[in-house]
Amino acid sequence: MKSLVLSLFFLSLGQPLFAQNSIDLFTVAWQYGFPQHYENNLPQKARDDFWNVNLKVPIVLSETNTWYNEISYYNFHIKGDDELPVAVNNPANLHGIIMQTGLMHRFNEKDAMILLFVPRLMGDLRHHNPKNFQFGGIALFERKINTSLTMRFGASFNRELFGPFVVPLIYLNWRLSDKWYIAGLLPVYSKINYRLNDDVTLGFHHFGLVTTYHLSTENAFNDYMERRSIDFSLFARFRVAGNVHFELRTGVALGKDYLQYGDGDKVDFGLPLINFGDNRVQKNVSFNGGPFIRGQLVYNLVLP
């Protein structure tokens, strides 16, 4: 049991740990984006909402090795202007199933290595198609700087529908004091926590990720949609009962885009802020980012 507890702590990829060490094992969340104008000032507005489920299942192999498993399901629904051209996928209903599975090996008390295989099933999933499947991976080297700070350095790779996409990663696990704590896997997400008391935590959260989805509707057959968004929000997390918590976030999405491209539109190589050899022609019209509200229920395991 002790080895399981230690491994669960080791496996926490940036979970909001506070007061006592803990890990969010199961999460159900729903987010609503308020309607926003299109970039070319179409008369109607567009909006998106989504919900997701996340589950973590670690398997302890030995004192130094753990096989980590995590699966997430996302469902995005985008409702746009009814006057959009027939070739535009509207409304859009996108699904994403992302799995992380692989080995976490600790060399000693300070150093560890994390190697994860990341298969994905991404698309509107109306019809079975090999293009719904994507494959990638994550590699991170961990160094425990001191008792208050742990960092990891590495990168993720995914074969997106537009081509190869690499994200350099820096993980931060930093306890500034008994009240303040920072956790994150930059540039994907970060969370600044302030522990008000044993039952309430307040703070700031950011999340940004690029994903692509194969389309198989009649008006967008074999096209794909690229989702880009950077969310900034304030949050309040409350203990509901025992290990169950409710977290409320409200904030704004900056640079949010759902971009539709033809199957043959590719880039040579992609990074978070720049694409090389990008001559794609966008088929739809983007709408502006704006405010959103999110609620989630979390089962959090407290570690002794």
C-alpha atoms as a PDB file:
ATOM      1  CA  MET A   1       0.000   0.000   0.000  1.00  0.00           C
ATOM      2  CA  LYS A   2       2.849   2.372   0.789  1.00  0.00           C
ATOM      3  CA  SER A   3       4.395   1.832  -2.648  1.00  0.00           C
ATOM      4  CA  LEU A   4       1.026   2.534  -4.275  1.00  0.00           C
ATOM      5  CA  VAL A   5       0.692   5.800  -2.347  1.00  0.00           C
ATOM      6  CA  LEU A   6       4.202   6.901  -3.270  1.00  0.00           C
ATOM      7  CA  SER A   7       3.623   6.019  -6.892  1.00  0.00           C
ATOM      8  CA  LEU A   8       0.372   7.940  -7.030  1.00  0.00           C
ATOM      9  CA  PHE A   9       2.218  11.005  -5.767  1.00  0.00           C
ATOM     10  CA  PHE A  10       4.975  10.470  -8.316  1.00  0.00           C
ATOM     11  CA  LEU A  11       2.428  10.045 -11.107  1.00  0.00           C
ATOM     12  CA  SER A  12       0.670  13.331 -10.504  1.00  0.00           C
ATOM     13  CA  LEU A  13       1.351  15.293 -13.731  1.00  0.00           C
ATOM     14  CA  GLY A  14       0.744  18.717 -12.286  1.00  0.00           C
ATOM     15  CA  GLN A  15      -2.321  17.998 -10.188  1.00  0.00           C
ATOM     16  CA  PRO A  16      -3.358  20.742  -7.755  1.00  0.00           C
ATOM     17  CA  LEU A  17      -1.704  19.422  -4.614  1.00  0.00           C
ATOM     18  CA  PHE A  18      -2.251  21.370  -1.444  1.00  0.00           C
ATOM     19  CA  ALA A  19      -1.915  21.066   2.340  1.00  0.00           C
ATOM     20  CA  GLN A  20      -1.642  17.310   2.026  1.00  0.00           C
ATOM     21  CA  ASN A  21      -0.413  15.623  -1.152  1.00  0.00           C
ATOM     22  CA  SER A  22      -3.298  14.524  -3.365  1.00  0.00           C
ATOM     23  CA  ILE A  23      -4.231  13.521  -6.905  1.00  0.00           C
ATOM     24  CA  ASP A  24      -7.411  14.086  -8.932  1.00  0.00           C
ATOM     25  CA  LEU A  25      -8.313  10.528  -9.955  1.00  0.00           C
ATOM     26  CA  PHE A  26     -11.658  11.200 -11.658  1.00  0.00           C
ATOM     27  CA  THR A  27     -13.098  14.415 -13.123  1.00  0.00           C
ATOM     28  CA  VAL A  28     -16.329  15.287 -14.945  1.00  0.00           C
ATOM     29  CA  ALA A  29     -16.510  18.838 -16.378  1.00  0.00           C
ATOM     30  CA  TRP A  30     -18.806  21.010 -18.515  1.00  0.00           C
ATOM     31  CA  GLN A  31     -17.933  24.368 -20.086  1.00  0.00           C
ATOM     32  CA  TYR A  32     -20.164  26.932 -21.813  1.00  0.00           C
ATOM     33  CA  GLY A  33     -18.824  29.671 -24.081  1.00  0.00           C
ATOM     34  CA  PHE A  34     -21.034  32.743 -24.454  1.00  0.00           C
ATOM     35  CA  PRO A  35     -22.079  33.632 -28.058  1.00  0.00           C
ATOM     36  CA  GLN A  36     -19.587  35.806 -29.952  1.00  0.00           C
ATOM     37  CA  HIS A  37     -19.491  37.720 -33.239  1.00  0.00           C
ATOM     38  CA  TYR A  38     -17.686  36.404 -36.300  1.00  0.00           C
ATOM     39  CA  GLU A  39     -14.456  38.041 -37.374  1.00  0.00           C
ATOM     40  CA  ASN A  40     -16.044  39.349 -40.602  1.00  0.00           C
ATOM     41  CA  ASN A  41     -19.070  40.800 -38.746  1.00  0.00           C
ATOM     42  CA  LEU A  42     -21.710  38.341 -39.920  1.00  0.00           C
ATOM     43  CA  PRO A  43     -25.076  39.300 -38.388  1.00  0.00           C
ATOM     44  CA  GLN A  44     -25.450  36.177 -36.273  1.00  0.00           C
ATOM     45  CA  LYS A  45     -23.211  34.897 -33.492  1.00  0.00           C
ATOM     46  CA  ALA A  46     -21.520  31.569 -32.815  1.00  0.00           C
ATOM     47  CA  ARG A  47     -20.888  29.732 -29.586  1.00  0.00           C
ATOM     48  CA  ASP A  48     -19.279  26.534 -28.361  1.00  0.00           C
ATOM     49  CA  ASP A  49     -19.693  24.319 -25.342  1.00  0.00           C
ATOM     50  CA  PHE A  50     -18.082  21.067 -24.322  1.00  0.00           C
ATOM     51  CA  TRP A  51     -17.880  18.469 -21.619  1.00  0.00           C
ATOM     52  CA  ASN A  52     -15.160  16.017 -20.720  1.00  0.00           C
ATOM     53  CA  VAL A  53     -14.364  13.059 -18.471  1.00  0.00           C
ATOM     54  CA  ASN A  54     -10.891  12.169 -17.169  1.00  0.00           C
ATOM     55  CA  LEU A  55      -9.751   8.995 -15.380  1.00  0.00           C
ATOM     56  CA  LYS A  56      -6.292   8.033 -14.086  1.00  0.00           C
ATOM     57  CA  VAL A  57      -5.330   4.388 -13.399  1.00  0.00           C
ATOM     58  CA  PRO A  58      -1.713   3.765 -12.287  1.00  0.00           C
ATOM     59  CA  ILE A  59      -0.352   0.220 -11.971  1.00  0.00           C
ATOM     60  CA  VAL A  60       2.582  -0.229  -9.583  1.00  0.00           C
ATOM     61  CA  LEU A  61       5.197  -2.638 -10.963  1.00  0.00           C
ATOM     62  CA  SER A  62       7.961  -2.122  -8.385  1.00  0.00           C
ATOM     63  CA  GLU A  63       9.390   0.485  -6.017  1.00  0.00           C
ATOM     64  CA  THR A  64      10.961   2.305  -8.983  1.00  0.00           C
ATOM     65  CA  ASN A  65       8.635   1.480 -11.885  1.00  0.00           C
ATOM     66  CA  THR A  66       4.977   2.325 -12.417  1.00  0.00           C
ATOM     67  CA  TRP A  67       2.819   1.859 -15.489  1.00  0.00           C
ATOM     68  CA  TYR A  68       0.689   4.969 -15.863  1.00  0.00           C
ATOM     69  CA  ASN A  69      -2.682   5.058 -17.613  1.00  0.00           C
ATOM     70  CA  GLU A  70      -4.908   8.076 -18.200  1.00  0.00           C
ATOM     71  CA  ILE A  71      -7.889   8.449 -20.512  1.00  0.00           C
ATOM     72  CA  SER A  72      -9.845  11.602 -21.386  1.00  0.00           C
ATOM     73  CA  TYR A  73     -13.009  12.050 -23.435  1.00  0.00           C
ATOM     74  CA  TYR A  74     -13.988  15.430 -24.930  1.00  0.00           C
ATOM     75  CA  ASN A  75     -17.149  16.439 -26.781  1.00  0.00           C
ATOM     76  CA  PHE A  76     -17.203  19.883 -28.437  1.00  0.00           C
ATOM     77  CA  HIS A  77     -20.392  21.338 -29.920  1.00  0.00           C
ATOM     78  CA  ILE A  78     -20.125  24.450 -32.113  1.00  0.00           C
ATOM     79  CA  LYS A  79     -23.275  26.201 -33.368  1.00  0.00           C
ATOM     80  CA  GLY A  80     -22.667  28.900 -35.974  1.00  0.00           C
ATOM     81  CA  ASP A  81     -24.475  31.230 -38.346  1.00  0.00           C
ATOM     82  CA  ASP A  82     -27.257  29.479 -40.290  1.00  0.00           C
ATOM     83  CA  GLU A  83     -26.245  31.479 -43.389  1.00  0.00           C
ATOM     84  CA  LEU A  84     -22.760  29.946 -43.630  1.00  0.00           C
ATOM     85  CA  PRO A  85     -21.910  28.278 -46.977  1.00  0.00           C
ATOM     86  CA  VAL A  86     -23.069  24.699 -47.422  1.00  0.00           C
ATOM     87  CA  ALA A  87     -19.438  23.445 -47.522  1.00  0.00           C
ATOM     88  CA  VAL A  88     -18.883  24.587 -43.928  1.00  0.00           C
ATOM     89  CA  ASN A  89     -19.329  21.991 -41.184  1.00  0.00           C
ATOM     90  CA  ASN A  90     -22.104  23.688 -39.177  1.00  0.00           C
ATOM     91  CA  PRO A  91     -23.161  22.806 -36.587  1.00  0.00           C
ATOM     92  CA  ALA A  92     -20.063  20.835 -35.629  1.00  0.00           C
ATOM     93  CA  ASN A  93     -20.046  18.013 -33.108  1.00  0.00           C
ATOM     94  CA  LEU A  94     -16.486  16.870 -32.369  1.00  0.00           C
ATOM     95  CA  HIS A  95     -15.307  13.979 -30.229  1.00  0.00           C
ATOM     96  CA  GLY A  96     -11.854  13.289 -28.810  1.00  0.00           C
ATOM     97  CA  ILE A  97     -10.627  10.254 -26.879  1.00  0.00           C
ATOM     98  CA  ILE A  98      -7.036  10.710 -25.715  1.00  0.00           C
ATOM     99  CA  MET A  99      -5.103   8.013 -23.852  1.00  0.00           C
ATOM    100  CA  GLN A 100      -1.734   8.266 -22.125  1.00  0.00           C
ATOM    101  CA  THR A 101      -0.029   5.023 -21.222  1.00  0.00           C
ATOM    102  CA  GLY A 102       3.574   4.205 -20.444  1.00  0.00           C
ATOM    103  CA  LEU A 103       6.413   3.765 -17.992  1.00  0.00           C
ATOM    104  CA  MET A 104       7.515   6.039 -15.179  1.00  0.00           C
ATOM    105  CA  HIS A 105      10.932   5.079 -13.841  1.00  0.00           C
ATOM    106  CA  ARG A 106      12.662   6.638 -10.859  1.00  0.00           C
ATOM    107  CA  PHE A 107      16.470   6.482 -10.979  1.00  0.00           C
ATOM    108  CA  ASN A 108      16.975   7.832  -7.465  1.00  0.00           C
ATOM    109  CA  GLU A 109      15.389  10.252  -4.998  1.00  0.00           C
ATOM    110  CA  LYS A 110      15.986  13.219  -7.311  1.00  0.00           C
ATOM    111  CA  ASP A 111      15.792  11.944 -10.891  1.00  0.00           C
ATOM    112  CA  ALA A 112      13.115  10.152 -12.906  1.00  0.00           C
ATOM    113  CA  MET A 113      12.065   9.528 -16.520  1.00  0.00           C
ATOM    114  CA  ILE A 114       8.538   9.449 -17.948  1.00  0.00           C
ATOM    115  CA  LEU A 115       7.832   7.870 -21.363  1.00  0.00           C
ATOM    116  CA  LEU A 116       4.206   7.795 -22.517  1.00  0.00           C
ATOM    117  CA  PHE A 117       2.524   6.531 -25.672  1.00  0.00           C
ATOM    118  CA  VAL A 118      -0.431   8.789 -26.594  1.00  0.00           C
ATOM    119  CA  PRO A 119      -2.954   7.327 -29.061  1.00  0.00           C
ATOM    120  CA  ARG A 120      -6.019   9.417 -29.973  1.00  0.00           C
ATOM    121  CA  LEU A 121      -9.400   8.893 -31.621  1.00  0.00           C
ATOM    122  CA  MET A 122     -10.455  12.307 -33.018  1.00  0.00           C
ATOM    123  CA  GLY A 123     -13.323  13.344 -35.279  1.00  0.00           C
ATOM    124  CA  ASP A 124     -17.063  13.726 -35.672  1.00  0.00           C
ATOM    125  CA  LEU A 125     -17.124   9.872 -35.526  1.00  0.00           C
ATOM    126  CA  ARG A 126     -20.106   9.627 -37.887  1.00  0.00           C
ATOM    127  CA  HIS A 127     -18.298   6.963 -39.903  1.00  0.00           C
ATOM    128  CA  HIS A 128     -15.332   4.720 -39.182  1.00  0.00           C
ATOM    129  CA  ASN A 129     -12.198   6.031 -40.889  1.00  0.00           C
ATOM    130  CA  PRO A 130      -8.487   5.344 -40.270  1.00  0.00           C
ATOM    131  CA  LYS A 131      -7.956   9.128 -40.287  1.00  0.00           C
ATOM    132  CA  ASN A 132      -9.773   9.294 -36.953  1.00  0.00           C
ATOM    133  CA  PHE A 133      -6.702   7.697 -35.344  1.00  0.00           C
ATOM    134  CA  GLN A 134      -3.668   9.749 -34.358  1.00  0.00           C
ATOM    135  CA  PHE A 135      -0.508   8.636 -32.597  1.00  0.00           C
ATOM    136  CA  GLY A 136       1.977  10.532 -30.462  1.00  0.00           C
ATOM    137  CA  GLY A 137       4.081  10.428 -27.346  1.00  0.00           C
ATOM    138  CA  ILE A 138       5.459  12.343 -24.366  1.00  0.00           C
ATOM    139  CA  ALA A 139       8.972  12.188 -22.903  1.00  0.00           C
ATOM    140  CA  LEU A 140       9.948  14.015 -19.693  1.00  0.00           C
ATOM    141  CA  PHE A 141      13.021  14.033 -17.463  1.00  0.00           C
ATOM    142  CA  GLU A 142      12.347  14.917 -13.828  1.00  0.00           C
ATOM    143  CA  ARG A 143      14.705  16.615 -11.384  1.00  0.00           C
ATOM    144  CA  LYS A 144      13.774  17.331  -7.765  1.00  0.00           C
ATOM    145  CA  ILE A 145      15.466  20.683  -7.174  1.00  0.00           C
ATOM    146  CA  ASN A 146      14.681  20.813  -3.439  1.00  0.00           C
ATOM    147  CA  THR A 147      11.893  19.824  -1.055  1.00  0.00           C
ATOM    148  CA  SER A 148       9.663  22.603  -2.406  1.00  0.00           C
ATOM    149  CA  LEU A 149      10.395  22.487  -6.143  1.00  0.00           C
ATOM    150  CA  THR A 150      10.262  19.684  -8.709  1.00  0.00           C
ATOM    151  CA  MET A 151      10.700  20.283 -12.460  1.00  0.00           C
ATOM    152  CA  ARG A 152      10.427  18.174 -15.605  1.00  0.00           C
ATOM    153  CA  PHE A 153      11.771  18.930 -19.071  1.00  0.00           C
ATOM    154  CA  GLY A 154      10.809  17.289 -22.339  1.00  0.00           C
ATOM    155  CA  ALA A 155       8.417  17.402 -25.265  1.00  0.00           C
ATOM    156  CA  SER A 156       5.277  15.925 -26.767  1.00  0.00           C
ATOM    157  CA  PHE A 157       4.792  14.822 -30.372  1.00  0.00           C
ATOM    158  CA  ASN A 158       1.577  14.124 -32.244  1.00  0.00           C
ATOM    159  CA  ARG A 159       0.825  13.313 -35.860  1.00  0.00           C
ATOM    160  CA  GLU A 160      -1.947  15.874 -36.314  1.00  0.00           C
ATOM    161  CA  LEU A 161      -4.133  15.867 -39.433  1.00  0.00           C
ATOM    162  CA  PHE A 162      -2.168  18.898 -40.692  1.00  0.00           C
ATOM    163  CA  GLY A 163       1.193  17.197 -40.110  1.00  0.00           C
ATOM    164  CA  PRO A 164       3.812  16.648 -37.366  1.00  0.00           C
ATOM    165  CA  PHE A 165       3.337  18.821 -34.283  1.00  0.00           C
ATOM    166  CA  VAL A 166       5.882  19.174 -31.445  1.00  0.00           C
ATOM    167  CA  VAL A 167       5.360  20.956 -28.122  1.00  0.00           C
ATOM    168  CA  PRO A 168       8.402  21.622 -25.854  1.00  0.00           C
ATOM    169  CA  LEU A 169       7.302  21.030 -22.252  1.00  0.00           C
ATOM    170  CA  ILE A 170       8.351  22.346 -18.847  1.00  0.00           C
ATOM    171  CA  TYR A 171       6.639  20.928 -15.770  1.00  0.00           C
ATOM    172  CA  LEU A 172       6.568  22.914 -12.540  1.00  0.00           C
ATOM    173  CA  ASN A 173       5.592  21.656  -9.071  1.00  0.00           C
ATOM    174  CA  TRP A 174       6.395  24.468  -6.625  1.00  0.00           C
ATOM    175  CA  ARG A 175       5.167  24.929  -3.074  1.00  0.00           C
ATOM    176  CA  LEU A 176       5.827  28.569  -2.227  1.00  0.00           C
ATOM    177  CA  SER A 177       4.334  28.429   1.282  1.00  0.00           C
ATOM    178  CA  ASP A 178       1.634  26.693   3.297  1.00  0.00           C
ATOM    179  CA  LYS A 179      -0.925  28.806   1.432  1.00  0.00           C
ATOM    180  CA  TRP A 180       0.478  29.235  -2.084  1.00  0.00           C
ATOM    181  CA  TYR A 181       1.203  26.467  -4.586  1.00  0.00           C
ATOM    182  CA  ILE A 182       1.933  26.441  -8.349  1.00  0.00           C
ATOM    183  CA  ALA A 183       1.544  23.427 -10.638  1.00  0.00           C
ATOM    184  CA  GLY A 184       1.642  23.185 -14.405  1.00  0.00           C
ATOM    185  CA  LEU A 185       2.872  21.616 -17.616  1.00  0.00           C
ATOM    186  CA  LEU A 186       3.779  24.668 -19.677  1.00  0.00           C
ATOM    187  CA  PRO A 187       2.652  25.771 -22.214  1.00  0.00           C
ATOM    188  CA  VAL A 188      -0.354  23.400 -21.986  1.00  0.00           C
ATOM    189  CA  TYR A 189      -1.676  24.401 -18.562  1.00  0.00           C
ATOM    190  CA  SER A 190      -0.809  26.015 -15.255  1.00  0.00           C
ATOM    191  CA  LYS A 191      -2.610  26.550 -11.962  1.00  0.00           C
ATOM    192  CA  ILE A 192      -1.802  29.002  -9.167  1.00  0.00           C
ATOM    193  CA  ASN A 193      -3.504  27.877  -5.948  1.00  0.00           C
ATOM    194  CA  TYR A 194      -4.256  29.799  -2.762  1.00  0.00           C
ATOM    195  CA  ARG A 195      -5.525  27.598   0.070  1.00  0.00           C
ATOM    196  CA  LEU A 196      -8.115  29.625   1.973  1.00  0.00           C
ATOM    197  CA  ASN A 197      -8.839  26.766   4.410  1.00  0.00           C
ATOM    198  CA  ASP A 198      -9.106  22.974   4.422  1.00  0.00           C
ATOM    199  CA  ASP A 199     -12.285  23.064   2.316  1.00  0.00           C
ATOM    200  CA  VAL A 200     -11.772  25.997  -0.062  1.00  0.00           C
ATOM    201  CA  THR A 201      -9.010  26.770  -2.590  1.00  0.00           C
ATOM    202  CA  LEU A 202      -8.949  29.825  -4.852  1.00  0.00           C
ATOM    203  CA  GLY A 203      -6.690  30.674  -7.753  1.00  0.00           C
ATOM    204  CA  PHE A 204      -5.857  31.236 -11.418  1.00  0.00           C
ATOM    205  CA  HIS A 205      -5.843  28.666 -14.238  1.00  0.00           C
ATOM    206  CA  HIS A 206      -4.701  28.672 -17.855  1.00  0.00           C
ATOM    207  CA  PHE A 207      -5.114  26.007 -20.535  1.00  0.00           C
ATOM    208  CA  GLY A 208      -4.033  25.954 -24.183  1.00  0.00           C
ATOM    209  CA  LEU A 209      -3.940  23.071 -26.638  1.00  0.00           C
ATOM    210  CA  VAL A 210      -4.066  22.375 -30.396  1.00  0.00           C
ATOM    211  CA  THR A 211      -6.126  19.385 -31.573  1.00  0.00           C
ATOM    212  CA  THR A 212      -7.453  18.214 -34.954  1.00  0.00           C
ATOM    213  CA  TYR A 213     -10.615  16.277 -35.860  1.00  0.00           C
ATOM    214  CA  HIS A 214     -11.468  14.322 -39.014  1.00  0.00           C
ATOM    215  CA  LEU A 215     -14.834  15.260 -40.570  1.00  0.00           C
ATOM    216  CA  SER A 216     -17.088  12.817 -42.412  1.00  0.00           C
ATOM    217  CA  THR A 217     -20.349  14.733 -42.860  1.00  0.00           C
ATOM    218  CA  GLU A 218     -21.727  15.018 -46.383  1.00  0.00           C
ATOM    219  CA  ASN A 219     -20.893  18.721 -46.695  1.00  0.00           C
ATOM    220  CA  ALA A 220     -17.381  18.347 -45.235  1.00  0.00           C
ATOM    221  CA  PHE A 221     -16.360  14.836 -46.256  1.00  0.00           C
ATOM    222  CA  ASN A 222     -12.677  14.152 -45.525  1.00  0.00           C
ATOM    223  CA  ASP A 223     -12.050  17.719 -44.342  1.00  0.00           C
ATOM    224  CA  TYR A 224     -10.605  18.275 -40.881  1.00  0.00           C
ATOM    225  CA  MET A 225     -11.128  20.846 -38.166  1.00  0.00           C
ATOM    226  CA  GLU A 226      -8.296  22.339 -36.126  1.00  0.00           C
ATOM    227  CA  ARG A 227      -9.197  23.627 -32.671  1.00  0.00           C
ATOM    228  CA  ARG A 228      -6.980  26.283 -31.066  1.00  0.00           C
ATOM    229  CA  SER A 229      -7.782  28.064 -27.825  1.00  0.00           C
ATOM    230  CA  ILE A 230      -6.046  29.638 -24.855  1.00  0.00           C
ATOM    231  CA  ASP A 231      -8.270  29.890 -21.768  1.00  0.00           C
ATOM    232  CA  PHE A 232      -7.560  32.108 -18.754  1.00  0.00           C
ATOM    233  CA  SER A 233      -9.805  31.805 -15.719  1.00  0.00           C
ATOM    234  CA  LEU A 234     -10.248  32.369 -12.001  1.00  0.00           C
ATOM    235  CA  PHE A 235     -11.469  29.412  -9.988  1.00  0.00           C
ATOM    236  CA  ALA A 236     -12.894  28.444  -6.623  1.00  0.00           C
ATOM    237  CA  ARG A 237     -12.772  24.846  -5.435  1.00  0.00           C
ATOM    238  CA  PHE A 238     -15.033  23.597  -2.633  1.00  0.00           C
ATOM    239  CA  ARG A 239     -15.107  20.310  -0.755  1.00  0.00           C
ATOM    240  CA  VAL A 240     -18.580  18.807  -1.198  1.00  0.00           C
ATOM    241  CA  ALA A 241     -18.193  15.680   0.939  1.00  0.00           C
ATOM    242  CA  GLY A 242     -15.228  13.480   1.777  1.00  0.00           C
ATOM    243  CA  ASN A 243     -12.982  13.284  -1.290  1.00  0.00           C
ATOM    244  CA  VAL A 244     -15.510  14.887  -3.660  1.00  0.00           C
ATOM    245  CA  HIS A 245     -14.926  18.516  -4.699  1.00  0.00           C
ATOM    246  CA  PHE A 246     -16.746  21.007  -6.932  1.00  0.00           C
ATOM    247  CA  GLU A 247     -14.717  23.531  -8.905  1.00  0.00           C
ATOM    248  CA  LEU A 248     -16.170  26.616 -10.595  1.00  0.00           C
ATOM    249  CA  ARG A 249     -14.168  28.563 -13.186  1.00  0.00           C
ATOM    250  CA  THR A 250     -15.013  31.746 -15.017  1.00  0.00           C
ATOM    251  CA  GLY A 251     -12.761  33.452 -17.516  1.00  0.00           C
ATOM    252  CA  VAL A 252     -12.090  34.333 -21.131  1.00  0.00           C
ATOM    253  CA  ALA A 253     -10.905  32.381 -24.168  1.00  0.00           C
ATOM    254  CA  LEU A 254      -8.305  34.277 -26.200  1.00  0.00           C
ATOM    255  CA  GLY A 255      -7.600  33.444 -29.820  1.00  0.00           C
ATOM    256  CA  LYS A 256     -10.197  30.681 -29.915  1.00  0.00           C
ATOM    257  CA  ASP A 257     -10.504  29.142 -33.389  1.00  0.00           C
ATOM    258  CA  TYR A 258     -12.255  26.212 -35.033  1.00  0.00           C
ATOM    259  CA  LEU A 259     -10.547  26.132 -38.444  1.00  0.00           C
ATOM    260  CA  GLN A 260     -11.833  23.916 -41.268  1.00  0.00           C
ATOM    261  CA  TYR A 261      -9.376  22.755 -43.955  1.00  0.00           C
ATOM    262  CA  GLY A 262      -9.416  20.360 -46.866  1.00  0.00           C
ATOM    263  CA  ASP A 263      -7.870  16.924 -46.517  1.00  0.00           C
ATOM    264  CA  GLY A 264      -4.823  17.855 -48.612  1.00  0.00           C
ATOM    265  CA  ASP A 265      -4.004  21.071 -46.755  1.00  0.00           C
ATOM    266  CA  LYS A 266      -0.899  20.323 -44.680  1.00  0.00           C
ATOM    267  CA  VAL A 267       2.045  22.047 -43.013  1.00  0.00           C
ATOM    268  CA  ASP A 268       5.650  20.895 -43.055  1.00  0.00           C
ATOM    269  CA  PHE A 269       6.113  21.120 -39.285  1.00  0.00           C
ATOM    270  CA  GLY A 270       4.192  22.696 -36.421  1.00  0.00           C
ATOM    271  CA  LEU A 271       5.103  24.303 -33.087  1.00  0.00           C
ATOM    272  CA  PRO A 272       2.718  25.960 -30.569  1.00  0.00           C
ATOM    273  CA  LEU A 273       3.187  29.496 -31.952  1.00  0.00           C
ATOM    274  CA  ILE A 274       4.301  28.920 -35.536  1.00  0.00           C
ATOM    275  CA  ASN A 275       3.779  26.535 -38.461  1.00  0.00           C
ATOM    276  CA  PHE A 276       6.409  26.014 -41.159  1.00  0.00           C
ATOM    277  CA  GLY A 277       5.265  25.645 -44.752  1.00  0.00           C
ATOM    278  CA  ASP A 278       1.693  26.630 -43.955  1.00  0.00           C
ATOM    279  CA  ASN A 279      -0.155  27.582 -47.162  1.00  0.00           C
ATOM    280  CA  ARG A 280      -3.548  26.215 -46.152  1.00  0.00           C
ATOM    281  CA  VAL A 281      -6.826  27.825 -47.216  1.00  0.00           C
ATOM    282  CA  GLN A 282      -9.425  28.106 -44.458  1.00  0.00           C
ATOM    283  CA  LYS A 283     -12.941  27.089 -45.558  1.00  0.00           C
ATOM    284  CA  ASN A 284     -14.976  28.527 -42.686  1.00  0.00           C
ATOM    285  CA  VAL A 285     -15.074  31.824 -40.793  1.00  0.00           C
ATOM    286  CA  SER A 286     -13.625  32.164 -37.284  1.00  0.00           C
ATOM    287  CA  PHE A 287     -15.573  33.700 -34.443  1.00  0.00           C
ATOM    288  CA  ASN A 288     -14.081  35.735 -31.630  1.00  0.00           C
ATOM    289  CA  GLY A 289     -12.995  34.328 -28.314  1.00  0.00           C
ATOM    290  CA  GLY A 290     -14.962  35.465 -25.293  1.00  0.00           C
ATOM    291  CA  PRO A 291     -16.091  34.721 -21.750  1.00  0.00           C
ATOM    292  CA  PHE A 292     -16.917  31.225 -20.533  1.00  0.00           C
ATOM    293  CA  ILE A 293     -18.047  29.441 -17.393  1.00  0.00           C
ATOM    294  CA  ARG A 294     -17.015  25.943 -16.348  1.00  0.00           C
ATOM    295  CA  GLY A 295     -18.061  23.587 -13.562  1.00  0.00           C
ATOM    296  CA  GLN A 296     -16.512  20.268 -12.643  1.00  0.00           C
ATOM    297  CA  LEU A 297     -16.863  17.523 -10.069  1.00  0.00           C
ATOM    298  CA  VAL A 298     -13.610  15.940  -8.911  1.00  0.00           C
ATOM    299  CA  TYR A 299     -12.770  12.842  -6.890  1.00  0.00           C
ATOM    300  CA  ASN A 300      -9.494  13.708  -5.186  1.00  0.00           C
ATOM    301  CA  LEU A 301      -7.446  11.090  -3.348  1.00  0.00           C
ATOM    302  CA  VAL A 302      -5.553  12.488  -0.376  1.00  0.00           C
ATOM    303  CA  LEU A 303      -2.200  10.809   0.243  1.00  0.00           C
ATOM    304  CA  PRO A 304      -0.860  10.343   3.784  1.00  0.00           C
END
